[in-house]
């Protein structure tokens, strides 16, 4: 039985939107009265994200928020590593601080866990009938190509390896040695989850409200090249 969900938020220069995603998380009522723990790690933002979070915490003392700030900018993966270390829930899920993913859909990912059939649940942007903002043809092709490349080495049949929404049993993810500090986190985690004997991985369809680069999207082609390297490193060469 799952009693508490740890929601991990890596944040970098999200002072203008962090309160909006926290409002959405606050409004969500999880199935089976599962409690929420919110862990925010500010990756040394330059726009006073820390002040925005502290102000929100002061205004919402009933919300279980834990806030940490990196001493220097180390990357999204490093921020997630710190958040995993601090998590005390039965399961964790990563929530980007932007508004591309909808916290209302936590319950969609939780359902296979509550049913007792899943240890890990991926939220796919490429399956199901949920809303998807139409943006960036080549970006979507790149995501699908990376997923297929990853699947070749993991023997999984995922449709969206790069998704932010990965619901993972906390004791499983805490036992995995994670190295990638930036956007290589997704393929590294997927490769290492796939090696765990008898692990039960599910995938469910979710919506996606993508941002343009003008609206703050940060990932670019260099991150895609890094993802290829990471897939080969942990898939082909089985690096630890």
Protein backbone atom coordinates (compact mmCIF):
# COMPACT_ATOMS: atom_id res chain seq x y z
CA UNK A 1 0.00 0.00 0.00
CA UNK A 2 1.22 3.49 -0.83
CA UNK A 3 0.68 6.12 1.86
CA UNK A 4 2.81 9.04 0.64
CA UNK A 5 3.97 10.31 -2.77
CA UNK A 6 7.15 12.37 -3.00
CA UNK A 7 6.88 14.97 -5.77
CA UNK A 8 10.37 16.04 -6.86
CA UNK A 9 10.70 19.45 -8.51
CA UNK A 10 14.05 20.43 -10.06
CA UNK A 11 13.82 24.18 -10.68
CA UNK A 12 16.00 26.57 -12.63
CA UNK A 13 14.94 30.17 -13.30
CA UNK A 14 11.25 29.43 -12.72
CA UNK A 15 10.44 32.37 -10.41
CA UNK A 16 7.57 33.49 -12.67
CA UNK A 17 5.81 30.11 -12.86
CA UNK A 18 6.79 28.07 -9.78
CA UNK A 19 3.73 29.24 -7.84
CA UNK A 20 1.43 28.13 -10.67
CA UNK A 21 2.67 24.54 -10.64
CA UNK A 22 2.56 24.47 -6.84
CA UNK A 23 -1.04 25.67 -6.95
CA UNK A 24 -1.86 22.78 -9.29
CA UNK A 25 -0.14 20.26 -7.03
CA UNK A 26 -1.93 21.67 -4.00
CA UNK A 27 -5.30 21.31 -5.72
CA UNK A 28 -4.80 17.61 -6.57
CA UNK A 29 -6.49 15.09 -4.32
CA UNK A 30 -4.72 11.78 -4.71
CA UNK A 31 -6.63 8.52 -4.85
CA UNK A 32 -6.90 6.44 -1.66
CA UNK A 33 -6.06 9.59 0.34
CA UNK A 34 -2.37 9.27 -0.53
CA UNK A 35 -0.45 12.13 1.09
CA UNK A 36 1.86 14.50 -0.81
CA UNK A 37 5.43 15.49 0.00
CA UNK A 38 6.90 18.21 -2.24
CA UNK A 39 10.68 18.45 -2.54
CA UNK A 40 11.98 21.44 -4.50
CA UNK A 41 15.65 21.70 -5.47
CA UNK A 42 16.67 25.05 -6.92
CA UNK A 43 19.63 24.53 -9.27
CA UNK A 44 21.24 27.84 -8.29
CA UNK A 45 18.80 29.99 -10.26
CA UNK A 46 19.69 33.56 -11.16
CA UNK A 47 16.12 34.92 -11.06
CA UNK A 48 15.22 34.60 -7.35
CA UNK A 49 13.39 31.31 -7.70
CA UNK A 50 14.43 30.67 -4.09
CA UNK A 51 12.60 33.78 -2.88
CA UNK A 52 9.48 32.82 -4.82
CA UNK A 53 9.46 29.35 -3.25
CA UNK A 54 10.07 30.63 0.28
CA UNK A 55 7.27 33.15 -0.14
CA UNK A 56 4.93 30.39 -1.31
CA UNK A 57 5.90 28.20 1.65
CA UNK A 58 5.16 31.04 4.03
CA UNK A 59 1.75 31.61 2.43
CA UNK A 60 0.91 27.88 2.40
CA UNK A 61 2.15 26.40 5.69
CA UNK A 62 -0.29 23.47 5.38
CA UNK A 63 1.50 22.17 2.27
CA UNK A 64 4.32 19.71 2.99
CA UNK A 65 7.16 21.45 1.09
CA UNK A 66 10.88 20.90 1.61
CA UNK A 67 13.19 23.33 -0.16
CA UNK A 68 16.88 22.97 -1.04
CA UNK A 69 19.22 25.15 -3.13
CA UNK A 70 22.31 23.88 -4.92
CA UNK A 71 25.57 25.72 -4.15
CA UNK A 72 26.18 26.03 -7.89
CA UNK A 73 24.39 25.22 -11.14
CA UNK A 74 24.87 21.48 -11.61
CA UNK A 75 22.06 20.46 -13.98
CA UNK A 76 18.60 18.95 -13.82
CA UNK A 77 19.86 15.44 -13.14
CA UNK A 78 21.93 16.60 -10.17
CA UNK A 79 18.92 18.42 -8.75
CA UNK A 80 16.85 15.24 -9.08
CA UNK A 81 19.62 13.23 -7.37
CA UNK A 82 19.41 15.60 -4.38
CA UNK A 83 15.63 15.38 -4.30
CA UNK A 84 15.72 11.56 -4.39
CA UNK A 85 18.09 11.59 -1.44
CA UNK A 86 15.65 13.73 0.56
CA UNK A 87 12.48 11.82 -0.41
CA UNK A 88 10.59 9.94 2.32
CA UNK A 89 7.50 8.84 0.36
CA UNK A 90 6.71 5.30 -0.78
CA UNK A 91 6.94 6.38 -4.44
CA UNK A 92 8.51 9.34 -6.20
CA UNK A 93 7.53 11.28 -9.31
CA UNK A 94 9.46 14.06 -11.02
CA UNK A 95 7.52 17.25 -11.78
CA UNK A 96 9.14 19.92 -13.93
CA UNK A 97 8.62 23.41 -12.55
CA UNK A 98 7.17 24.63 -15.85
CA UNK A 99 3.58 23.96 -16.90
CA UNK A 100 4.17 21.28 -19.55
CA UNK A 101 2.84 18.40 -17.43
CA UNK A 102 -0.45 18.35 -15.48
CA UNK A 103 -0.35 17.20 -11.81
CA UNK A 104 -4.04 16.26 -12.12
CA UNK A 105 -2.74 13.18 -13.93
CA UNK A 106 -0.76 11.78 -10.98
CA UNK A 107 -3.75 9.56 -10.31
CA UNK A 108 -3.49 8.05 -13.80
CA UNK A 109 0.06 6.93 -13.01
CA UNK A 110 -0.84 5.84 -9.48
CA UNK A 111 -3.63 3.51 -10.57
CA UNK A 112 -1.39 0.55 -11.61
CA UNK A 113 0.52 0.94 -8.34
CA UNK A 114 -2.63 1.03 -6.21
CA UNK A 115 -3.84 -2.07 -8.08
CA UNK A 116 -0.64 -3.79 -6.97
CA UNK A 117 0.69 -4.57 -10.44
CA UNK A 118 3.45 -1.98 -10.97
CA UNK A 119 6.76 -0.89 -9.46
CA UNK A 120 7.36 1.78 -12.12
CA UNK A 121 4.92 3.72 -14.29
CA UNK A 122 5.94 5.93 -17.25
CA UNK A 123 3.59 8.66 -18.45
CA UNK A 124 3.70 8.67 -22.25
CA UNK A 125 3.03 11.80 -24.30
CA UNK A 126 2.62 9.62 -27.40
CA UNK A 127 -0.22 7.32 -26.41
CA UNK A 128 -3.82 7.77 -25.30
CA UNK A 129 -6.40 10.44 -26.05
CA UNK A 130 -5.16 13.27 -23.81
CA UNK A 131 -4.52 16.84 -25.11
CA UNK A 132 -1.13 17.57 -26.68
CA UNK A 133 0.07 20.99 -27.79
CA UNK A 134 1.26 20.92 -31.40
CA UNK A 135 4.92 22.03 -31.51
CA UNK A 136 8.33 21.10 -32.96
CA UNK A 137 8.04 18.26 -35.49
CA UNK A 138 11.76 17.44 -35.38
CA UNK A 139 11.76 17.52 -31.58
CA UNK A 140 9.01 14.88 -31.48
CA UNK A 141 10.82 12.77 -34.09
CA UNK A 142 13.99 13.02 -32.00
CA UNK A 143 12.16 11.90 -28.86
CA UNK A 144 10.70 8.86 -30.62
CA UNK A 145 14.06 7.99 -32.18
CA UNK A 146 15.80 8.16 -28.81
CA UNK A 147 13.08 5.99 -27.27
CA UNK A 148 13.50 3.38 -30.01
CA UNK A 149 17.29 3.41 -29.58
CA UNK A 150 16.89 2.98 -25.83
CA UNK A 151 14.40 0.14 -26.33
CA UNK A 152 16.89 -1.72 -28.50
CA UNK A 153 19.26 -2.03 -25.54
CA UNK A 154 16.75 -2.34 -22.67
CA UNK A 155 14.35 -4.73 -24.46
CA UNK A 156 11.46 -2.56 -23.25
CA UNK A 157 8.66 -1.41 -25.56
CA UNK A 158 8.23 2.11 -24.22
CA UNK A 159 6.73 4.82 -26.40
CA UNK A 160 8.23 7.76 -24.44
CA UNK A 161 11.50 7.12 -22.61
CA UNK A 162 12.22 10.86 -22.32
CA UNK A 163 9.02 11.68 -20.41
CA UNK A 164 9.33 13.70 -17.22
CA UNK A 165 6.59 11.67 -15.54
CA UNK A 166 8.19 8.52 -14.16
CA UNK A 167 6.57 7.10 -11.04
CA UNK A 168 9.10 4.87 -9.27
CA UNK A 169 9.08 2.97 -6.00
CA UNK A 170 11.36 4.96 -3.69
CA UNK A 171 13.42 2.09 -2.31
CA UNK A 172 14.14 0.98 -5.88
CA UNK A 173 15.38 4.35 -7.13
CA UNK A 174 17.38 5.01 -3.96
CA UNK A 175 19.27 1.76 -4.57
CA UNK A 176 20.28 2.74 -8.12
CA UNK A 177 23.64 4.52 -8.52
CA UNK A 178 22.79 7.52 -10.72
CA UNK A 179 25.56 9.51 -12.37
CA UNK A 180 24.12 11.77 -15.06
CA UNK A 181 23.93 15.38 -13.92
CA UNK A 182 21.94 16.92 -16.76
CA UNK A 183 19.46 15.64 -19.36
CA UNK A 184 21.10 12.22 -19.51
CA UNK A 185 19.14 11.31 -16.39
CA UNK A 186 16.20 9.84 -18.35
CA UNK A 187 18.06 7.25 -20.47
CA UNK A 188 20.37 6.33 -17.59
CA UNK A 189 17.47 5.65 -15.22
CA UNK A 190 15.59 3.70 -17.90
CA UNK A 191 18.62 1.53 -18.67
CA UNK A 192 19.26 0.75 -15.03
CA UNK A 193 15.60 0.07 -14.21
CA UNK A 194 15.47 -2.41 -17.10
CA UNK A 195 18.26 -4.47 -15.53
CA UNK A 196 16.37 -5.11 -12.28
CA UNK A 197 15.13 -8.66 -12.15
CA UNK A 198 11.34 -9.07 -12.17
CA UNK A 199 10.67 -5.32 -12.09
CA UNK A 200 7.16 -4.44 -13.24
CA UNK A 201 7.15 -1.45 -15.59
CA UNK A 202 3.92 0.02 -16.97
CA UNK A 203 3.12 2.93 -19.28
CA UNK A 204 0.00 5.13 -19.34
CA UNK A 205 -1.07 7.98 -21.64
CA UNK A 206 -0.80 11.55 -20.37
CA UNK A 207 -1.35 15.04 -21.79
CA UNK A 208 1.40 17.47 -22.72
CA UNK A 209 1.27 21.28 -22.72
CA UNK A 210 4.64 22.05 -24.32
CA UNK A 211 6.43 25.38 -24.15
CA UNK A 212 8.20 27.23 -26.94
CA UNK A 213 11.78 28.39 -26.45
CA UNK A 214 10.45 31.93 -26.02
CA UNK A 215 8.24 30.64 -23.20
CA UNK A 216 11.21 29.06 -21.44
CA UNK A 217 11.87 25.63 -22.96
CA UNK A 218 15.49 24.70 -22.19
CA UNK A 219 16.30 21.39 -23.94
CA UNK A 220 18.13 21.57 -27.29
CA UNK A 221 20.00 19.43 -29.85
CA UNK A 222 23.07 19.18 -27.62
CA UNK A 223 20.95 17.43 -25.00
CA UNK A 224 19.81 15.01 -27.70
CA UNK A 225 23.42 14.17 -28.57
CA UNK A 226 24.17 13.61 -24.89
CA UNK A 227 21.16 11.30 -24.66
CA UNK A 228 22.56 9.16 -27.51
CA UNK A 229 25.89 8.91 -25.70
CA UNK A 230 24.16 7.94 -22.44
CA UNK A 231 21.99 5.29 -24.13
CA UNK A 232 25.13 3.68 -25.59
CA UNK A 233 27.09 4.07 -22.35
CA UNK A 234 24.52 2.38 -20.12
CA UNK A 235 22.85 0.20 -22.74
CA UNK A 236 25.58 -1.10 -25.03
CA UNK A 237 28.48 -1.01 -22.57
CA UNK A 238 26.42 -1.65 -19.40
CA UNK A 239 28.25 1.05 -17.43
CA UNK A 240 27.41 1.32 -13.73
